[in-house]
Amino acid sequence: MPLSSYRDFGAALTFAADSVEHTMERLLPSGDSGEARVFEAMRYSSLGGGKRLRAFFVLATSTLFKVGRLPALRTASAIELIHAYSLIHDDLPAMDDDDLRRGKPSCHKQFDEATAILAGDALQALAFEVLAHEDTHGDPAVRTALITELARASGAQGMVGGQMLDLLAEERAEVGGEPLSIGAITRLQRLKTGALISFSCTAGAILGKSSEHLRQALAAYAHDVGLAFQIADDLLDVEGSAAEIGKTPGKDAAAGKATFVSILGVERARAQADLLARQAAAHLEPFGAAADLLKQAAKFVVARRS
């Protein structure tokens, strides 16, 4: 049954997660050769956990342009491989230094720090290998566009740049410097979290060779959903438990980091996230009823408890 046949978001998200999990399981290396330890670490960190929300965005936007199942699943798998790599590196002692991820030991705790670094490197490389393969799309220009956009979203002008800003903000807090402004936090999160969400929400348009007008509508949706997602994350860091969020809560406050919640307060932050979710849904009007699942996703982003 295709994703477009679902009307309930929860069921659609589960279907998308299961479908992408099966695809990733086939794409990830396995075996008992000398490098098997890194294979094991890659699979440990990328399979069997997570909401697969970024993959859902790829699959849901692909349905808007009648993209085939295999290209959509391979592209969704690539973004999840990048996301898994980013979480491995994010948890390292040199970064956020977290012992928990998705309710189980972080990769560097389950294996060791060197293996975790190599597993992250290998997952990133595999993502681009998947996109470059002709099974992802018959048109080389489309494959090139996917590779270019994902590289930009995950690199120094995207996720990596956002992580650098985050580390600098933490250093600033440690020496008692002025906390970041709301504008600076917004830019940081637009890079660290929002760039990959933006790729996820526009990948279907790239695969479907859509008009620029429709691709921009999805980019605007992604912008608002990405910020709403981060505000919800900040709220969970304050209000959630380790059992709910699968990682250590309260770390931002303990580090003295400025967040949407520390600046706006809980109630104003929650109201802002709700406003962004409504704005995101409004950007989907050109797609009519076909975008209903994406509208439900915007509501889910701010209501989630994990």
C-alpha atoms as a PDB file:
ATOM      1  CA  MET A   1       0.000   0.000   0.000  1.00  0.00           C
ATOM      2  CA  PRO A   2       1.567   3.364  -0.994  1.00  0.00           C
ATOM      3  CA  LEU A   3       2.077   6.155   1.531  1.00  0.00           C
ATOM      4  CA  SER A   4      -0.448   8.328  -0.298  1.00  0.00           C
ATOM      5  CA  SER A   5      -3.236   5.903   0.625  1.00  0.00           C
ATOM      6  CA  TYR A   6      -2.826   6.660   4.352  1.00  0.00           C
ATOM      7  CA  ARG A   7      -5.020   9.257   6.013  1.00  0.00           C
ATOM      8  CA  ASP A   8      -3.793   8.920   9.605  1.00  0.00           C
ATOM      9  CA  PHE A   9      -0.376  10.461  10.242  1.00  0.00           C
ATOM     10  CA  GLY A  10       0.649   7.984  12.945  1.00  0.00           C
ATOM     11  CA  ALA A  11       0.036   5.012  10.681  1.00  0.00           C
ATOM     12  CA  ALA A  12       1.770   6.778   7.778  1.00  0.00           C
ATOM     13  CA  LEU A  13       4.839   7.561   9.894  1.00  0.00           C
ATOM     14  CA  THR A  14       5.090   3.931  11.034  1.00  0.00           C
ATOM     15  CA  PHE A  15       4.749   2.700   7.445  1.00  0.00           C
ATOM     16  CA  ALA A  16       7.433   5.126   6.252  1.00  0.00           C
ATOM     17  CA  ALA A  17       9.785   4.161   9.082  1.00  0.00           C
ATOM     18  CA  ASP A  18       9.367   0.436   8.429  1.00  0.00           C
ATOM     19  CA  SER A  19       9.833   0.849   4.678  1.00  0.00           C
ATOM     20  CA  VAL A  20      13.009   2.897   5.059  1.00  0.00           C
ATOM     21  CA  GLU A  21      14.345   0.560   7.758  1.00  0.00           C
ATOM     22  CA  HIS A  22      14.073  -2.382   5.355  1.00  0.00           C
ATOM     23  CA  THR A  23      15.811  -0.414   2.604  1.00  0.00           C
ATOM     24  CA  MET A  24      18.622   0.710   4.910  1.00  0.00           C
ATOM     25  CA  GLU A  25      19.106  -2.831   6.180  1.00  0.00           C
ATOM     26  CA  ARG A  26      19.838  -3.922   2.611  1.00  0.00           C
ATOM     27  CA  LEU A  27      22.101  -0.964   1.862  1.00  0.00           C
ATOM     28  CA  LEU A  28      24.268  -1.182   4.974  1.00  0.00           C
ATOM     29  CA  PRO A  29      27.344  -3.443   4.778  1.00  0.00           C
ATOM     30  CA  SER A  30      27.602  -6.600   6.873  1.00  0.00           C
ATOM     31  CA  GLY A  31      29.948  -9.549   7.153  1.00  0.00           C
ATOM     32  CA  ASP A  32      32.641 -11.090   9.298  1.00  0.00           C
ATOM     33  CA  SER A  33      35.732  -9.762   7.529  1.00  0.00           C
ATOM     34  CA  GLY A  34      38.441  -7.737   9.281  1.00  0.00           C
ATOM     35  CA  GLU A  35      36.443  -4.496   9.105  1.00  0.00           C
ATOM     36  CA  ALA A  36      33.296  -6.144  10.514  1.00  0.00           C
ATOM     37  CA  ARG A  37      33.508  -4.058  13.702  1.00  0.00           C
ATOM     38  CA  VAL A  38      32.813  -0.850  11.798  1.00  0.00           C
ATOM     39  CA  PHE A  39      29.958  -2.573   9.907  1.00  0.00           C
ATOM     40  CA  GLU A  40      28.471  -3.544  13.268  1.00  0.00           C
ATOM     41  CA  ALA A  41      28.798   0.008  14.614  1.00  0.00           C
ATOM     42  CA  MET A  42      27.175   1.464  11.498  1.00  0.00           C
ATOM     43  CA  ARG A  43      24.205  -0.875  11.802  1.00  0.00           C
ATOM     44  CA  TYR A  44      23.944  -0.385  15.576  1.00  0.00           C
ATOM     45  CA  SER A  45      23.640   3.383  15.190  1.00  0.00           C
ATOM     46  CA  SER A  46      21.383   3.579  12.143  1.00  0.00           C
ATOM     47  CA  LEU A  47      18.931   0.668  12.457  1.00  0.00           C
ATOM     48  CA  GLY A  48      16.202  -0.117  14.964  1.00  0.00           C
ATOM     49  CA  GLY A  49      15.401   3.317  16.314  1.00  0.00           C
ATOM     50  CA  GLY A  50      14.218   6.837  15.665  1.00  0.00           C
ATOM     51  CA  LYS A  51      11.013   8.304  14.275  1.00  0.00           C
ATOM     52  CA  ARG A  52      12.451   8.525  10.723  1.00  0.00           C
ATOM     53  CA  LEU A  53      10.739  11.908  10.378  1.00  0.00           C
ATOM     54  CA  ARG A  54      13.234  13.117   7.777  1.00  0.00           C
ATOM     55  CA  ALA A  55      12.632   9.973   5.745  1.00  0.00           C
ATOM     56  CA  PHE A  56       8.886  10.548   6.068  1.00  0.00           C
ATOM     57  CA  PHE A  57       9.291  14.040   4.594  1.00  0.00           C
ATOM     58  CA  VAL A  58      11.150  12.590   1.589  1.00  0.00           C
ATOM     59  CA  LEU A  59       8.492   9.936   0.979  1.00  0.00           C
ATOM     60  CA  ALA A  60       5.551  12.283   1.561  1.00  0.00           C
ATOM     61  CA  THR A  61       6.855  15.003  -0.770  1.00  0.00           C
ATOM     62  CA  SER A  62       7.705  12.353  -3.362  1.00  0.00           C
ATOM     63  CA  THR A  63       4.050  11.299  -3.498  1.00  0.00           C
ATOM     64  CA  LEU A  64       3.144  14.865  -4.518  1.00  0.00           C
ATOM     65  CA  PHE A  65       5.111  14.394  -7.749  1.00  0.00           C
ATOM     66  CA  LYS A  66       4.339  10.725  -8.449  1.00  0.00           C
ATOM     67  CA  VAL A  67       7.963   9.695  -7.778  1.00  0.00           C
ATOM     68  CA  GLY A  68       8.597   5.931  -7.917  1.00  0.00           C
ATOM     69  CA  ARG A  69       8.885   3.921  -4.707  1.00  0.00           C
ATOM     70  CA  LEU A  70      12.541   2.869  -5.128  1.00  0.00           C
ATOM     71  CA  PRO A  71      13.981   6.345  -5.849  1.00  0.00           C
ATOM     72  CA  ALA A  72      12.038   7.789  -2.916  1.00  0.00           C
ATOM     73  CA  LEU A  73      13.152   5.035  -0.519  1.00  0.00           C
ATOM     74  CA  ARG A  74      16.805   5.268  -1.543  1.00  0.00           C
ATOM     75  CA  THR A  75      16.799   9.054  -1.111  1.00  0.00           C
ATOM     76  CA  ALA A  76      15.034   8.731   2.243  1.00  0.00           C
ATOM     77  CA  SER A  77      17.625   6.166   3.312  1.00  0.00           C
ATOM     78  CA  ALA A  78      20.465   8.510   2.327  1.00  0.00           C
ATOM     79  CA  ILE A  79      19.168  11.290   4.575  1.00  0.00           C
ATOM     80  CA  GLU A  80      18.755   8.833   7.453  1.00  0.00           C
ATOM     81  CA  LEU A  81      22.348   7.623   6.971  1.00  0.00           C
ATOM     82  CA  ILE A  82      23.547  11.236   7.169  1.00  0.00           C
ATOM     83  CA  HIS A  83      21.379  11.804  10.243  1.00  0.00           C
ATOM     84  CA  ALA A  84      22.788   8.678  11.926  1.00  0.00           C
ATOM     85  CA  TYR A  85      26.351   9.802  11.217  1.00  0.00           C
ATOM     86  CA  SER A  86      25.600  13.236  12.693  1.00  0.00           C
ATOM     87  CA  LEU A  87      24.198  11.719  15.893  1.00  0.00           C
ATOM     88  CA  ILE A  88      27.256   9.485  16.365  1.00  0.00           C
ATOM     89  CA  HIS A  89      29.592  12.457  16.066  1.00  0.00           C
ATOM     90  CA  ASP A  90      27.295  14.748  18.086  1.00  0.00           C
ATOM     91  CA  ASP A  91      27.474  12.352  21.065  1.00  0.00           C
ATOM     92  CA  LEU A  92      31.297  12.174  21.099  1.00  0.00           C
ATOM     93  CA  PRO A  93      33.163  13.535  24.138  1.00  0.00           C
ATOM     94  CA  ALA A  94      34.613  16.354  21.990  1.00  0.00           C
ATOM     95  CA  MET A  95      31.095  17.444  21.014  1.00  0.00           C
ATOM     96  CA  ASP A  96      28.013  17.088  23.246  1.00  0.00           C
ATOM     97  CA  ASP A  97      29.498  14.188  25.246  1.00  0.00           C
ATOM     98  CA  ASP A  98      26.307  12.154  25.687  1.00  0.00           C
ATOM     99  CA  ASP A  99      26.191   8.540  26.855  1.00  0.00           C
ATOM    100  CA  LEU A 100      22.636   7.876  25.619  1.00  0.00           C
ATOM    101  CA  ARG A 101      21.044   7.940  22.169  1.00  0.00           C
ATOM    102  CA  ARG A 102      17.595   6.596  21.325  1.00  0.00           C
ATOM    103  CA  GLY A 103      17.407   4.981  24.738  1.00  0.00           C
ATOM    104  CA  LYS A 104      20.600   2.913  24.415  1.00  0.00           C
ATOM    105  CA  PRO A 105      24.340   3.548  24.844  1.00  0.00           C
ATOM    106  CA  SER A 106      25.805   5.987  22.334  1.00  0.00           C
ATOM    107  CA  CYS A 107      28.023   4.456  19.669  1.00  0.00           C
ATOM    108  CA  HIS A 108      31.266   5.473  21.385  1.00  0.00           C
ATOM    109  CA  LYS A 109      30.046   3.923  24.653  1.00  0.00           C
ATOM    110  CA  GLN A 110      28.887   0.680  23.020  1.00  0.00           C
ATOM    111  CA  PHE A 111      32.097   0.328  20.976  1.00  0.00           C
ATOM    112  CA  ASP A 112      34.862   2.906  21.447  1.00  0.00           C
ATOM    113  CA  GLU A 113      35.581   6.444  20.345  1.00  0.00           C
ATOM    114  CA  ALA A 114      37.721   5.567  17.329  1.00  0.00           C
ATOM    115  CA  THR A 115      35.192   3.046  16.027  1.00  0.00           C
ATOM    116  CA  ALA A 116      32.408   5.605  16.462  1.00  0.00           C
ATOM    117  CA  ILE A 117      34.297   8.196  14.416  1.00  0.00           C
ATOM    118  CA  LEU A 118      34.940   5.669  11.637  1.00  0.00           C
ATOM    119  CA  ALA A 119      31.329   4.458  11.663  1.00  0.00           C
ATOM    120  CA  GLY A 120      30.117   8.044  11.262  1.00  0.00           C
ATOM    121  CA  ASP A 121      32.562   8.678   8.431  1.00  0.00           C
ATOM    122  CA  ALA A 122      31.458   5.499   6.663  1.00  0.00           C
ATOM    123  CA  LEU A 123      27.746   6.295   7.017  1.00  0.00           C
ATOM    124  CA  GLN A 124      28.296   9.721   5.466  1.00  0.00           C
ATOM    125  CA  ALA A 125      30.187   8.212   2.526  1.00  0.00           C
ATOM    126  CA  LEU A 126      27.525   5.535   2.029  1.00  0.00           C
ATOM    127  CA  ALA A 127      24.778   8.160   1.818  1.00  0.00           C
ATOM    128  CA  PHE A 128      26.394   9.764  -1.227  1.00  0.00           C
ATOM    129  CA  GLU A 129      27.175   6.385  -2.769  1.00  0.00           C
ATOM    130  CA  VAL A 130      23.458   5.557  -2.541  1.00  0.00           C
ATOM    131  CA  LEU A 131      22.432   8.830  -4.200  1.00  0.00           C
ATOM    132  CA  ALA A 132      25.007   8.419  -6.986  1.00  0.00           C
ATOM    133  CA  HIS A 133      23.662   4.998  -8.020  1.00  0.00           C
ATOM    134  CA  GLU A 134      21.398   4.852 -11.075  1.00  0.00           C
ATOM    135  CA  ASP A 135      18.725   3.020  -9.033  1.00  0.00           C
ATOM    136  CA  THR A 136      18.113   6.332  -7.234  1.00  0.00           C
ATOM    137  CA  HIS A 137      17.153   8.045 -10.507  1.00  0.00           C
ATOM    138  CA  GLY A 138      17.666   7.359 -14.194  1.00  0.00           C
ATOM    139  CA  ASP A 139      18.592  10.977 -14.929  1.00  0.00           C
ATOM    140  CA  PRO A 140      22.207  11.791 -13.957  1.00  0.00           C
ATOM    141  CA  ALA A 141      21.265  15.471 -13.599  1.00  0.00           C
ATOM    142  CA  VAL A 142      18.741  14.595 -10.892  1.00  0.00           C
ATOM    143  CA  ARG A 143      21.282  12.444  -9.056  1.00  0.00           C
ATOM    144  CA  THR A 144      23.802  15.291  -9.249  1.00  0.00           C
ATOM    145  CA  ALA A 145      21.231  17.735  -7.870  1.00  0.00           C
ATOM    146  CA  LEU A 146      20.452  15.416  -4.946  1.00  0.00           C
ATOM    147  CA  ILE A 147      24.147  14.984  -4.143  1.00  0.00           C
ATOM    148  CA  THR A 148      24.799  18.725  -4.390  1.00  0.00           C
ATOM    149  CA  GLU A 149      21.881  19.685  -2.166  1.00  0.00           C
ATOM    150  CA  LEU A 150      22.599  17.045   0.483  1.00  0.00           C
ATOM    151  CA  ALA A 151      26.297  17.966   0.536  1.00  0.00           C
ATOM    152  CA  ARG A 152      25.383  21.625   1.032  1.00  0.00           C
ATOM    153  CA  ALA A 153      22.844  20.803   3.747  1.00  0.00           C
ATOM    154  CA  SER A 154      25.229  18.577   5.695  1.00  0.00           C
ATOM    155  CA  GLY A 155      28.461  20.553   5.242  1.00  0.00           C
ATOM    156  CA  ALA A 156      30.110  23.702   6.536  1.00  0.00           C
ATOM    157  CA  GLN A 157      27.260  25.924   5.308  1.00  0.00           C
ATOM    158  CA  GLY A 158      24.658  23.604   6.821  1.00  0.00           C
ATOM    159  CA  MET A 159      24.661  21.061   9.634  1.00  0.00           C
ATOM    160  CA  VAL A 160      28.435  21.120  10.316  1.00  0.00           C
ATOM    161  CA  GLY A 161      28.442  24.918  10.386  1.00  0.00           C
ATOM    162  CA  GLY A 162      25.536  24.883  12.819  1.00  0.00           C
ATOM    163  CA  GLN A 163      27.368  22.440  15.080  1.00  0.00           C
ATOM    164  CA  MET A 164      30.398  24.752  15.051  1.00  0.00           C
ATOM    165  CA  LEU A 165      28.204  27.670  16.119  1.00  0.00           C
ATOM    166  CA  ASP A 166      26.703  25.496  18.853  1.00  0.00           C
ATOM    167  CA  LEU A 167      30.130  24.586  20.243  1.00  0.00           C
ATOM    168  CA  LEU A 168      31.222  28.233  20.165  1.00  0.00           C
ATOM    169  CA  ALA A 169      28.029  29.219  22.005  1.00  0.00           C
ATOM    170  CA  GLU A 170      28.784  26.653  24.700  1.00  0.00           C
ATOM    171  CA  GLU A 171      32.347  27.959  25.082  1.00  0.00           C
ATOM    172  CA  ARG A 172      30.919  31.461  25.349  1.00  0.00           C
ATOM    173  CA  ALA A 173      28.568  30.368  28.131  1.00  0.00           C
ATOM    174  CA  GLU A 174      31.410  28.637  30.018  1.00  0.00           C
ATOM    175  CA  VAL A 175      33.414  31.877  30.266  1.00  0.00           C
ATOM    176  CA  GLY A 176      30.389  33.952  31.266  1.00  0.00           C
ATOM    177  CA  GLY A 177      29.911  35.741  27.972  1.00  0.00           C
ATOM    178  CA  GLU A 178      26.667  37.308  26.820  1.00  0.00           C
ATOM    179  CA  PRO A 179      24.107  34.656  25.778  1.00  0.00           C
ATOM    180  CA  LEU A 180      23.111  34.410  22.139  1.00  0.00           C
ATOM    181  CA  SER A 181      20.273  36.566  20.878  1.00  0.00           C
ATOM    182  CA  ILE A 182      17.107  35.002  19.518  1.00  0.00           C
ATOM    183  CA  GLY A 183      18.314  35.862  16.015  1.00  0.00           C
ATOM    184  CA  ALA A 184      21.639  34.110  16.547  1.00  0.00           C
ATOM    185  CA  ILE A 185      19.928  31.020  17.975  1.00  0.00           C
ATOM    186  CA  THR A 186      17.552  30.946  15.020  1.00  0.00           C
ATOM    187  CA  ARG A 187      20.470  31.056  12.566  1.00  0.00           C
ATOM    188  CA  LEU A 188      22.344  28.370  14.486  1.00  0.00           C
ATOM    189  CA  GLN A 189      19.394  25.999  14.457  1.00  0.00           C
ATOM    190  CA  ARG A 190      18.516  26.797  10.849  1.00  0.00           C
ATOM    191  CA  LEU A 191      21.937  25.409   9.958  1.00  0.00           C
ATOM    192  CA  LYS A 192      22.343  22.610  12.520  1.00  0.00           C
ATOM    193  CA  THR A 193      18.840  21.118  12.280  1.00  0.00           C
ATOM    194  CA  GLY A 194      16.930  23.012   9.627  1.00  0.00           C
ATOM    195  CA  ALA A 195      19.249  22.400   6.674  1.00  0.00           C
ATOM    196  CA  LEU A 196      18.740  18.613   6.665  1.00  0.00           C
ATOM    197  CA  ILE A 197      14.998  19.028   7.210  1.00  0.00           C
ATOM    198  CA  SER A 198      14.928  21.420   4.254  1.00  0.00           C
ATOM    199  CA  PHE A 199      16.655  18.846   2.045  1.00  0.00           C
ATOM    200  CA  SER A 200      14.207  16.180   3.236  1.00  0.00           C
ATOM    201  CA  CYS A 201      11.201  18.332   2.381  1.00  0.00           C
ATOM    202  CA  THR A 202      12.457  19.345  -1.079  1.00  0.00           C
ATOM    203  CA  ALA A 203      13.988  16.023  -2.171  1.00  0.00           C
ATOM    204  CA  GLY A 204      10.668  14.838  -3.597  1.00  0.00           C
ATOM    205  CA  ALA A 205      10.512  17.955  -5.772  1.00  0.00           C
ATOM    206  CA  ILE A 206      14.047  17.290  -7.051  1.00  0.00           C
ATOM    207  CA  LEU A 207      13.210  13.651  -7.816  1.00  0.00           C
ATOM    208  CA  GLY A 208       9.989  14.716  -9.536  1.00  0.00           C
ATOM    209  CA  LYS A 209      11.619  17.561 -11.531  1.00  0.00           C
ATOM    210  CA  SER A 210       8.997  19.960 -10.197  1.00  0.00           C
ATOM    211  CA  SER A 211       8.524  23.614 -11.050  1.00  0.00           C
ATOM    212  CA  GLU A 212      10.519  26.126  -9.019  1.00  0.00           C
ATOM    213  CA  HIS A 213       7.272  27.538  -7.605  1.00  0.00           C
ATOM    214  CA  LEU A 214       6.288  24.254  -5.976  1.00  0.00           C
ATOM    215  CA  ARG A 215       9.809  23.549  -4.762  1.00  0.00           C
ATOM    216  CA  GLN A 216       9.883  26.956  -3.070  1.00  0.00           C
ATOM    217  CA  ALA A 217       6.555  26.229  -1.382  1.00  0.00           C
ATOM    218  CA  LEU A 218       8.101  23.085   0.139  1.00  0.00           C
ATOM    219  CA  ALA A 219      11.225  25.020   1.135  1.00  0.00           C
ATOM    220  CA  ALA A 220       9.054  27.550   2.986  1.00  0.00           C
ATOM    221  CA  TYR A 221       7.211  24.691   4.697  1.00  0.00           C
ATOM    222  CA  ALA A 222      10.551  23.164   5.707  1.00  0.00           C
ATOM    223  CA  HIS A 223      11.809  26.464   7.119  1.00  0.00           C
ATOM    224  CA  ASP A 224       8.887  26.777   9.531  1.00  0.00           C
ATOM    225  CA  VAL A 225       8.729  23.073  10.381  1.00  0.00           C
ATOM    226  CA  GLY A 226      12.466  23.027  11.104  1.00  0.00           C
ATOM    227  CA  LEU A 227      12.243  25.897  13.587  1.00  0.00           C
ATOM    228  CA  ALA A 228       9.144  24.395  15.212  1.00  0.00           C
ATOM    229  CA  PHE A 229      11.011  21.088  15.515  1.00  0.00           C
ATOM    230  CA  GLN A 230      13.929  22.743  17.326  1.00  0.00           C
ATOM    231  CA  ILE A 231      11.701  24.688  19.706  1.00  0.00           C
ATOM    232  CA  ALA A 232       9.939  21.417  20.542  1.00  0.00           C
ATOM    233  CA  ASP A 233      13.376  19.848  21.144  1.00  0.00           C
ATOM    234  CA  ASP A 234      14.276  22.681  23.514  1.00  0.00           C
ATOM    235  CA  LEU A 235      10.987  22.182  25.363  1.00  0.00           C
ATOM    236  CA  LEU A 236      11.651  18.446  25.679  1.00  0.00           C
ATOM    237  CA  ASP A 237      15.121  19.148  27.073  1.00  0.00           C
ATOM    238  CA  VAL A 238      13.396  21.081  29.879  1.00  0.00           C
ATOM    239  CA  GLU A 239      10.249  19.003  30.370  1.00  0.00           C
ATOM    240  CA  GLY A 240      11.081  15.513  29.068  1.00  0.00           C
ATOM    241  CA  SER A 241      12.588  12.501  30.804  1.00  0.00           C
ATOM    242  CA  ALA A 242      15.412  10.274  29.586  1.00  0.00           C
ATOM    243  CA  ALA A 243      12.857   7.493  29.034  1.00  0.00           C
ATOM    244  CA  GLU A 244      10.786   9.759  26.767  1.00  0.00           C
ATOM    245  CA  ILE A 245      13.481  11.456  24.733  1.00  0.00           C
ATOM    246  CA  GLY A 246      16.061   8.640  24.683  1.00  0.00           C
ATOM    247  CA  LYS A 247      18.937  10.916  25.661  1.00  0.00           C
ATOM    248  CA  THR A 248      20.054  12.886  28.693  1.00  0.00           C
ATOM    249  CA  PRO A 249      17.622  15.758  29.448  1.00  0.00           C
ATOM    250  CA  GLY A 250      18.562  19.109  30.960  1.00  0.00           C
ATOM    251  CA  LYS A 251      21.987  19.289  29.325  1.00  0.00           C
ATOM    252  CA  ASP A 252      21.418  22.681  27.684  1.00  0.00           C
ATOM    253  CA  ALA A 253      20.453  24.325  30.980  1.00  0.00           C
ATOM    254  CA  ALA A 254      23.338  22.635  32.808  1.00  0.00           C
ATOM    255  CA  ALA A 255      25.776  23.981  30.221  1.00  0.00           C
ATOM    256  CA  GLY A 256      24.266  27.463  30.436  1.00  0.00           C
ATOM    257  CA  LYS A 257      23.420  27.430  26.720  1.00  0.00           C
ATOM    258  CA  ALA A 258      20.909  29.916  25.383  1.00  0.00           C
ATOM    259  CA  THR A 259      17.921  28.210  23.757  1.00  0.00           C
ATOM    260  CA  PHE A 260      14.502  29.269  22.493  1.00  0.00           C
ATOM    261  CA  VAL A 261      13.095  28.244  25.876  1.00  0.00           C
ATOM    262  CA  SER A 262      15.703  30.053  27.986  1.00  0.00           C
ATOM    263  CA  ILE A 263      15.026  33.293  26.093  1.00  0.00           C
ATOM    264  CA  LEU A 264      11.272  33.060  25.449  1.00  0.00           C
ATOM    265  CA  GLY A 265      10.173  30.992  28.438  1.00  0.00           C
ATOM    266  CA  VAL A 266       8.164  27.780  28.199  1.00  0.00           C
ATOM    267  CA  GLU A 267       4.770  29.254  27.336  1.00  0.00           C
ATOM    268  CA  ARG A 268       5.977  31.746  24.732  1.00  0.00           C
ATOM    269  CA  ALA A 269       8.204  29.099  23.159  1.00  0.00           C
ATOM    270  CA  ARG A 270       5.284  26.678  22.916  1.00  0.00           C
ATOM    271  CA  ALA A 271       3.077  29.384  21.382  1.00  0.00           C
ATOM    272  CA  GLN A 272       5.784  30.214  18.835  1.00  0.00           C
ATOM    273  CA  ALA A 273       6.113  26.543  17.855  1.00  0.00           C
ATOM    274  CA  ASP A 274       2.333  26.312  17.371  1.00  0.00           C
ATOM    275  CA  LEU A 275       2.385  29.448  15.198  1.00  0.00           C
ATOM    276  CA  LEU A 276       5.204  28.046  13.060  1.00  0.00           C
ATOM    277  CA  ALA A 277       3.298  24.775  12.575  1.00  0.00           C
ATOM    278  CA  ARG A 278       0.248  26.683  11.320  1.00  0.00           C
ATOM    279  CA  GLN A 279       2.411  28.793   9.006  1.00  0.00           C
ATOM    280  CA  ALA A 280       4.065  25.650   7.660  1.00  0.00           C
ATOM    281  CA  ALA A 281       0.691  24.114   6.803  1.00  0.00           C
ATOM    282  CA  ALA A 282      -0.362  27.303   5.003  1.00  0.00           C
ATOM    283  CA  HIS A 283       2.616  27.012   2.628  1.00  0.00           C
ATOM    284  CA  LEU A 284       1.162  23.715   1.339  1.00  0.00           C
ATOM    285  CA  GLU A 285      -1.996  25.229  -0.126  1.00  0.00           C
ATOM    286  CA  PRO A 286      -0.768  24.820  -3.755  1.00  0.00           C
ATOM    287  CA  PHE A 287      -0.908  21.031  -3.254  1.00  0.00           C
ATOM    288  CA  GLY A 288      -4.448  20.869  -1.877  1.00  0.00           C
ATOM    289  CA  ALA A 289      -5.616  17.694  -0.137  1.00  0.00           C
ATOM    290  CA  ALA A 290      -2.607  15.735  -1.431  1.00  0.00           C
ATOM    291  CA  ALA A 291      -0.474  17.446   1.233  1.00  0.00           C
ATOM    292  CA  ASP A 292      -2.720  16.517   4.177  1.00  0.00           C
ATOM    293  CA  LEU A 293      -0.147  14.157   5.719  1.00  0.00           C
ATOM    294  CA  LEU A 294       2.471  16.913   5.606  1.00  0.00           C
ATOM    295  CA  LYS A 295       0.051  19.251   7.386  1.00  0.00           C
ATOM    296  CA  GLN A 296      -0.469  16.614  10.066  1.00  0.00           C
ATOM    297  CA  ALA A 297       3.317  16.240  10.334  1.00  0.00           C
ATOM    298  CA  ALA A 298       3.642  19.939  11.195  1.00  0.00           C
ATOM    299  CA  LYS A 299       1.248  19.430  14.131  1.00  0.00           C
ATOM    300  CA  PHE A 300       3.086  16.292  15.214  1.00  0.00           C
ATOM    301  CA  VAL A 301       6.437  18.087  15.305  1.00  0.00           C
ATOM    302  CA  VAL A 302       5.283  20.408  18.094  1.00  0.00           C
ATOM    303  CA  ALA A 303       3.134  17.892  19.997  1.00  0.00           C
ATOM    304  CA  ARG A 304       5.676  15.010  20.166  1.00  0.00           C
ATOM    305  CA  ARG A 305       7.074  13.743  23.452  1.00  0.00           C
ATOM    306  CA  SER A 306      10.222  12.151  22.085  1.00  0.00           C
END
